[in-house]
Amino acid sequence: MKDWNVRSWCLTSLAILVMLLASACGNSVQLKGDSMSPTLKDGERLTVDRSAFKSSGPQRGDIVEFDYSGGKRLSHVVGLPGETIGIKGGLVYVNGTRLDEPYVAPGAQTQSSTDSFQVPEDSYFLMSDNREHANDSRAIGPIARSQIIGKVLR
């Protein structure tokens, strides 16, 4: 009988620990809208790893959740701190080299162009995949590292 109580206590403690770690490190979100189409679909449930960037910052290509004006959004990391970003004919250039973006929705690259600018230190340039239907760094500017909540896991 004594072994059963110890075993039961250990299993219960382990289950509580797993739930606490999951809530501290991950967060489930549901995508609303088509700004990340075709990579992510409207209504899709995703997990955000809040601890992914504890030891290093986001990398180009990561999909991140970030906070902007009290709301949470998802976008790909396109530009890193200190890099020069330019958009010519809807194509993104990083430090003068065209960025390969296979995740962008076909036909969704706008024909817009912008002057080149440098991403501030401790900030990131984020762009959504469905460029015609997104409000990303092209409109709201670079996103501070402190606004990035975590990395989206698929």
N, C-alpha and C. Protein backbone atom coordinates (compact mmCIF):
# COMPACT_ATOMS: atom_id res chain seq x y z
N MET A 1 0.82 -1.20 0.00
CA MET A 1 0.00 0.00 0.00
C MET A 1 0.87 1.26 0.00
N LYS A 2 2.00 1.18 0.74
CA LYS A 2 2.89 2.32 0.83
C LYS A 2 3.50 2.67 -0.53
N ASP A 3 3.88 1.63 -1.31
CA ASP A 3 4.44 1.85 -2.64
C ASP A 3 3.44 2.56 -3.54
N TRP A 4 2.17 2.21 -3.41
CA TRP A 4 1.12 2.84 -4.25
C TRP A 4 1.03 4.33 -3.96
N ASN A 5 1.07 4.74 -2.72
CA ASN A 5 0.98 6.15 -2.36
C ASN A 5 2.18 6.94 -2.88
N VAL A 6 3.37 6.37 -2.77
CA VAL A 6 4.57 7.04 -3.26
C VAL A 6 4.50 7.16 -4.78
N ARG A 7 4.12 6.09 -5.44
CA ARG A 7 4.01 6.09 -6.90
C ARG A 7 2.95 7.10 -7.36
N SER A 8 1.82 7.11 -6.69
CA SER A 8 0.73 8.04 -7.03
C SER A 8 1.20 9.48 -6.84
N TRP A 9 1.89 9.76 -5.75
CA TRP A 9 2.39 11.11 -5.47
C TRP A 9 3.39 11.54 -6.55
N CYS A 10 4.30 10.64 -6.93
CA CYS A 10 5.30 10.95 -7.96
C CYS A 10 4.64 11.24 -9.30
N LEU A 11 3.67 10.42 -9.69
CA LEU A 11 2.99 10.64 -10.97
C LEU A 11 2.21 11.95 -10.98
N THR A 12 1.54 12.25 -9.87
CA THR A 12 0.78 13.50 -9.78
C THR A 12 1.73 14.70 -9.84
N SER A 13 2.84 14.62 -9.12
CA SER A 13 3.83 15.71 -9.13
C SER A 13 4.42 15.91 -10.52
N LEU A 14 4.71 14.80 -11.20
CA LEU A 14 5.24 14.89 -12.56
C LEU A 14 4.24 15.54 -13.51
N ALA A 15 2.97 15.17 -13.41
CA ALA A 15 1.94 15.76 -14.26
C ALA A 15 1.81 17.26 -14.02
N ILE A 16 1.87 17.67 -12.78
CA ILE A 16 1.78 19.11 -12.45
C ILE A 16 3.00 19.85 -13.00
N LEU A 17 4.17 19.26 -12.87
CA LEU A 17 5.39 19.88 -13.38
C LEU A 17 5.33 20.05 -14.89
N VAL A 18 4.87 19.03 -15.60
CA VAL A 18 4.75 19.11 -17.05
C VAL A 18 3.78 20.22 -17.45
N MET A 19 2.65 20.33 -16.76
CA MET A 19 1.68 21.40 -17.08
C MET A 19 2.26 22.78 -16.82
N LEU A 20 3.01 22.92 -15.73
CA LEU A 20 3.63 24.22 -15.43
C LEU A 20 4.67 24.59 -16.47
N LEU A 21 5.50 23.64 -16.87
CA LEU A 21 6.50 23.91 -17.90
C LEU A 21 5.85 24.25 -19.23
N ALA A 22 4.80 23.55 -19.58
CA ALA A 22 4.11 23.81 -20.85
C ALA A 22 3.51 25.21 -20.85
N SER A 23 2.94 25.62 -19.74
CA SER A 23 2.33 26.95 -19.71
C SER A 23 3.37 28.05 -19.69
N ALA A 24 4.55 27.78 -19.12
CA ALA A 24 5.60 28.79 -19.08
C ALA A 24 6.33 28.91 -20.40
N CYS A 25 6.49 27.80 -21.11
CA CYS A 25 7.30 27.80 -22.33
C CYS A 25 6.47 27.89 -23.60
N GLY A 26 5.27 27.44 -23.58
CA GLY A 26 4.48 27.41 -24.79
C GLY A 26 3.11 28.02 -24.59
N ASN A 27 2.52 28.40 -25.71
CA ASN A 27 1.21 29.03 -25.66
C ASN A 27 0.50 28.65 -26.95
N SER A 28 -0.72 28.24 -26.84
CA SER A 28 -1.49 27.87 -28.03
C SER A 28 -2.21 29.11 -28.55
N VAL A 29 -2.11 29.34 -29.86
CA VAL A 29 -2.79 30.47 -30.49
C VAL A 29 -3.57 29.96 -31.70
N GLN A 30 -4.60 30.69 -32.05
CA GLN A 30 -5.36 30.36 -33.25
C GLN A 30 -5.21 31.53 -34.21
N LEU A 31 -4.76 31.22 -35.43
CA LEU A 31 -4.55 32.24 -36.44
C LEU A 31 -5.88 32.78 -36.93
N LYS A 32 -5.97 34.10 -37.00
CA LYS A 32 -7.17 34.75 -37.52
C LYS A 32 -6.77 35.56 -38.74
N GLY A 33 -7.40 35.26 -39.86
CA GLY A 33 -7.12 35.99 -41.09
C GLY A 33 -6.20 35.21 -42.01
N ASP A 34 -5.94 35.80 -43.18
CA ASP A 34 -5.15 35.10 -44.19
C ASP A 34 -3.81 35.78 -44.48
N SER A 35 -3.31 36.57 -43.54
CA SER A 35 -2.05 37.29 -43.78
C SER A 35 -0.85 36.35 -43.90
N MET A 36 -0.93 35.14 -43.35
CA MET A 36 0.19 34.20 -43.42
C MET A 36 -0.07 33.07 -44.41
N SER A 37 -1.09 33.21 -45.22
CA SER A 37 -1.40 32.21 -46.25
C SER A 37 -0.37 32.31 -47.36
N PRO A 38 0.11 31.25 -47.93
CA PRO A 38 -0.33 29.87 -47.83
C PRO A 38 0.38 29.06 -46.75
N THR A 39 1.37 29.63 -46.05
CA THR A 39 2.11 28.88 -45.04
C THR A 39 1.20 28.43 -43.90
N LEU A 40 0.40 29.35 -43.39
CA LEU A 40 -0.53 29.06 -42.30
C LEU A 40 -1.94 29.43 -42.74
N LYS A 41 -2.91 28.68 -42.29
CA LYS A 41 -4.30 28.89 -42.72
C LYS A 41 -5.12 29.57 -41.63
N ASP A 42 -6.10 30.34 -42.05
CA ASP A 42 -7.05 30.97 -41.13
C ASP A 42 -7.68 29.90 -40.25
N GLY A 43 -7.68 30.12 -38.93
CA GLY A 43 -8.27 29.18 -37.99
C GLY A 43 -7.32 28.10 -37.50
N GLU A 44 -6.12 28.02 -38.10
CA GLU A 44 -5.16 26.99 -37.70
C GLU A 44 -4.69 27.23 -36.28
N ARG A 45 -4.59 26.14 -35.50
CA ARG A 45 -4.07 26.21 -34.13
C ARG A 45 -2.57 25.98 -34.16
N LEU A 46 -1.84 26.87 -33.46
CA LEU A 46 -0.38 26.83 -33.45
C LEU A 46 0.13 26.91 -32.03
N THR A 47 1.35 26.48 -31.83
CA THR A 47 2.00 26.60 -30.53
C THR A 47 3.12 27.62 -30.66
N VAL A 48 3.21 28.51 -29.70
CA VAL A 48 4.27 29.52 -29.67
C VAL A 48 5.21 29.17 -28.53
N ASP A 49 6.49 28.98 -28.87
CA ASP A 49 7.51 28.68 -27.88
C ASP A 49 8.05 30.00 -27.34
N ARG A 50 7.64 30.33 -26.13
CA ARG A 50 8.04 31.60 -25.52
C ARG A 50 9.50 31.60 -25.07
N SER A 51 10.10 30.44 -24.98
CA SER A 51 11.49 30.38 -24.50
C SER A 51 12.49 30.22 -25.65
N ALA A 52 12.01 30.20 -26.88
CA ALA A 52 12.88 29.93 -28.04
C ALA A 52 14.01 30.94 -28.19
N PHE A 53 13.82 32.16 -27.76
CA PHE A 53 14.82 33.20 -27.99
C PHE A 53 15.50 33.66 -26.70
N LYS A 54 15.50 32.80 -25.70
CA LYS A 54 16.15 33.17 -24.44
C LYS A 54 17.66 33.31 -24.59
N SER A 55 18.28 32.41 -25.36
CA SER A 55 19.74 32.46 -25.49
C SER A 55 20.21 33.10 -26.78
N SER A 56 19.35 33.18 -27.78
CA SER A 56 19.71 33.85 -29.03
C SER A 56 18.45 34.47 -29.62
N GLY A 57 18.65 35.44 -30.48
CA GLY A 57 17.51 36.14 -31.06
C GLY A 57 16.90 35.39 -32.22
N PRO A 58 15.78 35.90 -32.73
CA PRO A 58 15.12 35.30 -33.89
C PRO A 58 16.07 35.27 -35.09
N GLN A 59 15.87 34.29 -35.95
CA GLN A 59 16.67 34.15 -37.16
C GLN A 59 15.80 34.40 -38.39
N ARG A 60 16.42 34.78 -39.47
CA ARG A 60 15.69 35.01 -40.71
C ARG A 60 14.90 33.74 -41.07
N GLY A 61 13.65 33.92 -41.42
CA GLY A 61 12.80 32.80 -41.80
C GLY A 61 11.92 32.29 -40.66
N ASP A 62 12.29 32.60 -39.42
CA ASP A 62 11.44 32.20 -38.29
C ASP A 62 10.08 32.87 -38.42
N ILE A 63 9.04 32.16 -38.04
CA ILE A 63 7.72 32.77 -37.89
C ILE A 63 7.60 33.11 -36.42
N VAL A 64 7.32 34.37 -36.14
CA VAL A 64 7.24 34.82 -34.75
C VAL A 64 5.88 35.42 -34.45
N GLU A 65 5.52 35.33 -33.17
CA GLU A 65 4.36 36.05 -32.68
C GLU A 65 4.90 37.31 -32.01
N PHE A 66 4.27 38.45 -32.29
CA PHE A 66 4.73 39.69 -31.69
C PHE A 66 3.54 40.53 -31.26
N ASP A 67 3.81 41.43 -30.35
CA ASP A 67 2.78 42.31 -29.81
C ASP A 67 2.89 43.66 -30.48
N TYR A 68 1.77 44.14 -31.02
CA TYR A 68 1.75 45.46 -31.63
C TYR A 68 0.43 46.14 -31.31
N SER A 69 0.49 47.27 -30.68
CA SER A 69 -0.69 48.05 -30.29
C SER A 69 -1.72 47.20 -29.54
N GLY A 70 -1.21 46.40 -28.62
CA GLY A 70 -2.10 45.62 -27.77
C GLY A 70 -2.64 44.35 -28.40
N GLY A 71 -2.31 44.11 -29.67
CA GLY A 71 -2.76 42.89 -30.33
C GLY A 71 -1.58 42.02 -30.70
N LYS A 72 -1.85 40.75 -30.86
CA LYS A 72 -0.79 39.82 -31.23
C LYS A 72 -0.90 39.49 -32.72
N ARG A 73 0.25 39.42 -33.38
CA ARG A 73 0.31 39.15 -34.82
C ARG A 73 1.40 38.13 -35.10
N LEU A 74 1.34 37.53 -36.29
CA LEU A 74 2.35 36.57 -36.73
C LEU A 74 2.97 37.05 -38.03
N SER A 75 4.28 36.88 -38.16
CA SER A 75 4.99 37.23 -39.39
C SER A 75 6.32 36.49 -39.46
N HIS A 76 6.88 36.44 -40.67
CA HIS A 76 8.22 35.89 -40.87
C HIS A 76 9.26 36.96 -40.55
N VAL A 77 10.38 36.55 -39.98
CA VAL A 77 11.53 37.44 -39.79
C VAL A 77 12.23 37.55 -41.14
N VAL A 78 12.35 38.78 -41.64
CA VAL A 78 13.00 39.03 -42.93
C VAL A 78 14.33 39.74 -42.73
N GLY A 79 14.36 40.73 -41.85
CA GLY A 79 15.57 41.50 -41.63
C GLY A 79 16.01 41.45 -40.18
N LEU A 80 17.33 41.30 -39.99
CA LEU A 80 17.92 41.22 -38.65
C LEU A 80 18.54 42.57 -38.26
N PRO A 81 18.82 42.76 -36.97
CA PRO A 81 19.41 44.02 -36.52
C PRO A 81 20.66 44.40 -37.33
N GLY A 82 20.70 45.66 -37.78
CA GLY A 82 21.85 46.18 -38.49
C GLY A 82 21.84 45.94 -39.99
N GLU A 83 20.93 45.10 -40.50
CA GLU A 83 20.89 44.82 -41.93
C GLU A 83 20.16 45.94 -42.68
N THR A 84 20.49 46.05 -43.97
CA THR A 84 19.83 47.02 -44.83
C THR A 84 18.77 46.29 -45.64
N ILE A 85 17.55 46.79 -45.58
CA ILE A 85 16.40 46.19 -46.27
C ILE A 85 15.94 47.12 -47.38
N GLY A 86 15.64 46.54 -48.52
CA GLY A 86 15.07 47.29 -49.63
C GLY A 86 14.01 46.43 -50.31
N ILE A 87 13.00 47.07 -50.86
CA ILE A 87 11.96 46.36 -51.60
C ILE A 87 11.87 47.01 -52.96
N LYS A 88 12.10 46.20 -54.01
CA LYS A 88 12.07 46.71 -55.38
C LYS A 88 11.16 45.82 -56.21
N GLY A 89 10.10 46.39 -56.74
CA GLY A 89 9.17 45.61 -57.55
C GLY A 89 8.56 44.46 -56.78
N GLY A 90 8.38 44.62 -55.47
CA GLY A 90 7.79 43.58 -54.65
C GLY A 90 8.78 42.55 -54.15
N LEU A 91 10.02 42.61 -54.57
CA LEU A 91 11.04 41.66 -54.13
C LEU A 91 11.85 42.28 -53.00
N VAL A 92 12.19 41.46 -52.01
CA VAL A 92 12.91 41.95 -50.84
C VAL A 92 14.41 41.72 -51.03
N TYR A 93 15.18 42.72 -50.70
CA TYR A 93 16.64 42.66 -50.77
C TYR A 93 17.21 42.91 -49.38
N VAL A 94 18.14 42.06 -48.96
CA VAL A 94 18.82 42.21 -47.68
C VAL A 94 20.29 42.45 -47.98
N ASN A 95 20.78 43.60 -47.56
CA ASN A 95 22.17 44.00 -47.84
C ASN A 95 22.49 43.87 -49.32
N GLY A 96 21.52 44.23 -50.17
CA GLY A 96 21.71 44.25 -51.62
C GLY A 96 21.48 42.92 -52.32
N THR A 97 21.25 41.85 -51.58
CA THR A 97 21.04 40.52 -52.16
C THR A 97 19.57 40.14 -52.06
N ARG A 98 19.02 39.69 -53.20
CA ARG A 98 17.60 39.31 -53.21
C ARG A 98 17.37 38.14 -52.24
N LEU A 99 16.33 38.27 -51.44
CA LEU A 99 15.96 37.25 -50.47
C LEU A 99 15.07 36.21 -51.13
N ASP A 100 15.42 34.95 -51.00
CA ASP A 100 14.60 33.85 -51.51
C ASP A 100 13.49 33.60 -50.50
N GLU A 101 12.26 33.77 -50.93
CA GLU A 101 11.11 33.61 -50.05
C GLU A 101 10.09 32.65 -50.66
N PRO A 102 10.35 31.35 -50.61
CA PRO A 102 9.43 30.39 -51.21
C PRO A 102 8.08 30.31 -50.51
N TYR A 103 7.99 30.86 -49.32
CA TYR A 103 6.76 30.81 -48.54
C TYR A 103 5.75 31.90 -48.90
N VAL A 104 6.15 32.87 -49.72
CA VAL A 104 5.24 33.97 -50.07
C VAL A 104 4.16 33.46 -51.01
N ALA A 105 2.93 33.88 -50.75
CA ALA A 105 1.79 33.46 -51.56
C ALA A 105 2.02 33.81 -53.02
N PRO A 106 1.77 32.86 -53.94
CA PRO A 106 1.92 33.16 -55.37
C PRO A 106 1.07 34.37 -55.76
N GLY A 107 1.70 35.30 -56.43
CA GLY A 107 0.98 36.50 -56.85
C GLY A 107 0.72 37.50 -55.74
N ALA A 108 1.20 37.19 -54.52
CA ALA A 108 0.92 38.07 -53.39
C ALA A 108 2.02 39.08 -53.14
N GLN A 109 3.08 39.04 -53.92
CA GLN A 109 4.11 40.04 -53.75
C GLN A 109 3.63 41.32 -54.43
N THR A 110 3.52 42.35 -53.64
CA THR A 110 3.07 43.62 -54.19
C THR A 110 4.14 44.17 -55.12
N GLN A 111 3.77 45.05 -55.95
CA GLN A 111 4.74 45.68 -56.85
C GLN A 111 5.34 46.92 -56.22
N SER A 112 5.20 47.02 -54.91
CA SER A 112 5.70 48.19 -54.20
C SER A 112 7.23 48.23 -54.18
N SER A 113 7.73 49.40 -53.98
CA SER A 113 9.17 49.61 -53.81
C SER A 113 9.36 50.59 -52.67
N THR A 114 10.45 50.45 -51.95
CA THR A 114 10.76 51.37 -50.87
C THR A 114 12.22 51.75 -50.94
N ASP A 115 12.54 52.86 -50.34
CA ASP A 115 13.95 53.22 -50.18
C ASP A 115 14.58 52.23 -49.22
N SER A 116 15.85 51.96 -49.41
CA SER A 116 16.55 51.08 -48.48
C SER A 116 16.70 51.76 -47.14
N PHE A 117 16.68 50.99 -46.08
CA PHE A 117 16.90 51.52 -44.75
C PHE A 117 17.54 50.44 -43.89
N GLN A 118 18.17 50.87 -42.81
CA GLN A 118 18.84 49.95 -41.92
C GLN A 118 17.94 49.61 -40.75
N VAL A 119 17.85 48.30 -40.44
CA VAL A 119 17.07 47.84 -39.29
C VAL A 119 17.84 48.24 -38.03
N PRO A 120 17.18 48.93 -37.11
CA PRO A 120 17.87 49.36 -35.88
C PRO A 120 18.36 48.17 -35.05
N GLU A 121 19.38 48.42 -34.25
CA GLU A 121 19.86 47.39 -33.33
C GLU A 121 18.70 46.98 -32.42
N ASP A 122 18.67 45.72 -32.05
CA ASP A 122 17.65 45.14 -31.18
C ASP A 122 16.24 45.23 -31.77
N SER A 123 16.16 45.30 -33.12
CA SER A 123 14.87 45.31 -33.81
C SER A 123 14.93 44.35 -35.00
N TYR A 124 13.76 44.00 -35.52
CA TYR A 124 13.64 43.05 -36.63
C TYR A 124 12.64 43.58 -37.64
N PHE A 125 12.86 43.24 -38.91
CA PHE A 125 11.93 43.61 -39.97
C PHE A 125 11.11 42.35 -40.26
N LEU A 126 9.80 42.44 -40.06
CA LEU A 126 8.90 41.30 -40.20
C LEU A 126 7.94 41.51 -41.36
N MET A 127 7.71 40.44 -42.13
CA MET A 127 6.76 40.52 -43.24
C MET A 127 5.89 39.27 -43.24
N SER A 128 4.63 39.47 -43.56
CA SER A 128 3.69 38.36 -43.67
C SER A 128 3.82 37.73 -45.06
N ASP A 129 3.22 36.56 -45.23
CA ASP A 129 3.36 35.82 -46.49
C ASP A 129 2.40 36.30 -47.57
N ASN A 130 1.22 36.69 -47.18
CA ASN A 130 0.21 37.17 -48.12
C ASN A 130 0.29 38.69 -48.12
N ARG A 131 1.25 39.21 -48.86
CA ARG A 131 1.65 40.61 -48.76
C ARG A 131 0.54 41.62 -49.05
N GLU A 132 -0.41 41.26 -49.88
CA GLU A 132 -1.50 42.17 -50.22
C GLU A 132 -2.47 42.35 -49.05
N HIS A 133 -2.50 41.37 -48.15
CA HIS A 133 -3.49 41.37 -47.06
C HIS A 133 -2.80 41.34 -45.70
N ALA A 134 -1.77 42.16 -45.54
CA ALA A 134 -1.00 42.14 -44.30
C ALA A 134 -0.61 43.55 -43.87
N ASN A 135 -0.52 43.69 -42.58
CA ASN A 135 -0.05 44.93 -41.97
C ASN A 135 1.21 44.57 -41.19
N ASP A 136 2.37 44.67 -41.86
CA ASP A 136 3.61 44.22 -41.25
C ASP A 136 4.62 45.37 -41.17
N SER A 137 5.89 45.06 -41.09
CA SER A 137 6.92 46.10 -40.92
C SER A 137 6.96 47.12 -42.04
N ARG A 138 6.40 46.78 -43.20
CA ARG A 138 6.35 47.78 -44.28
C ARG A 138 5.49 48.96 -43.86
N ALA A 139 4.46 48.70 -43.06
CA ALA A 139 3.55 49.77 -42.63
C ALA A 139 3.83 50.24 -41.21
N ILE A 140 4.20 49.30 -40.32
CA ILE A 140 4.34 49.65 -38.91
C ILE A 140 5.80 49.82 -38.47
N GLY A 141 6.72 49.54 -39.37
CA GLY A 141 8.14 49.71 -39.06
C GLY A 141 8.75 48.50 -38.39
N PRO A 142 10.05 48.58 -38.12
CA PRO A 142 10.74 47.46 -37.47
C PRO A 142 10.12 47.18 -36.09
N ILE A 143 10.22 45.93 -35.68
CA ILE A 143 9.65 45.50 -34.41
C ILE A 143 10.78 45.29 -33.40
N ALA A 144 10.66 45.92 -32.24
CA ALA A 144 11.68 45.79 -31.19
C ALA A 144 11.70 44.36 -30.66
N ARG A 145 12.86 43.89 -30.29
CA ARG A 145 13.02 42.54 -29.74
C ARG A 145 12.08 42.32 -28.56
N SER A 146 11.86 43.37 -27.76
CA SER A 146 11.00 43.25 -26.58
C SER A 146 9.53 42.98 -26.95
N GLN A 147 9.14 43.25 -28.20
CA GLN A 147 7.77 43.01 -28.64
C GLN A 147 7.57 41.59 -29.16
N ILE A 148 8.66 40.85 -29.39
CA ILE A 148 8.56 39.50 -29.92
C ILE A 148 8.30 38.54 -28.76
N ILE A 149 7.17 37.83 -28.85
CA ILE A 149 6.72 36.95 -27.79
C ILE A 149 7.38 35.59 -27.87
N GLY A 150 7.49 35.04 -29.08
CA GLY A 150 8.08 33.72 -29.21
C GLY A 150 8.06 33.23 -30.64
N LYS A 151 8.56 32.02 -30.83
CA LYS A 151 8.66 31.39 -32.13
C LYS A 151 7.47 30.46 -32.34
N VAL A 152 6.85 30.57 -33.52
CA VAL A 152 5.72 29.72 -33.86
C VAL A 152 6.24 28.35 -34.28
N LEU A 153 5.70 27.32 -33.63
CA LEU A 153 6.03 25.94 -33.98
C LEU A 153 4.89 25.38 -34.80
N ARG A 154 5.21 24.54 -35.75
CA ARG A 154 4.15 23.97 -36.59
C ARG A 154 3.90 22.55 -36.22
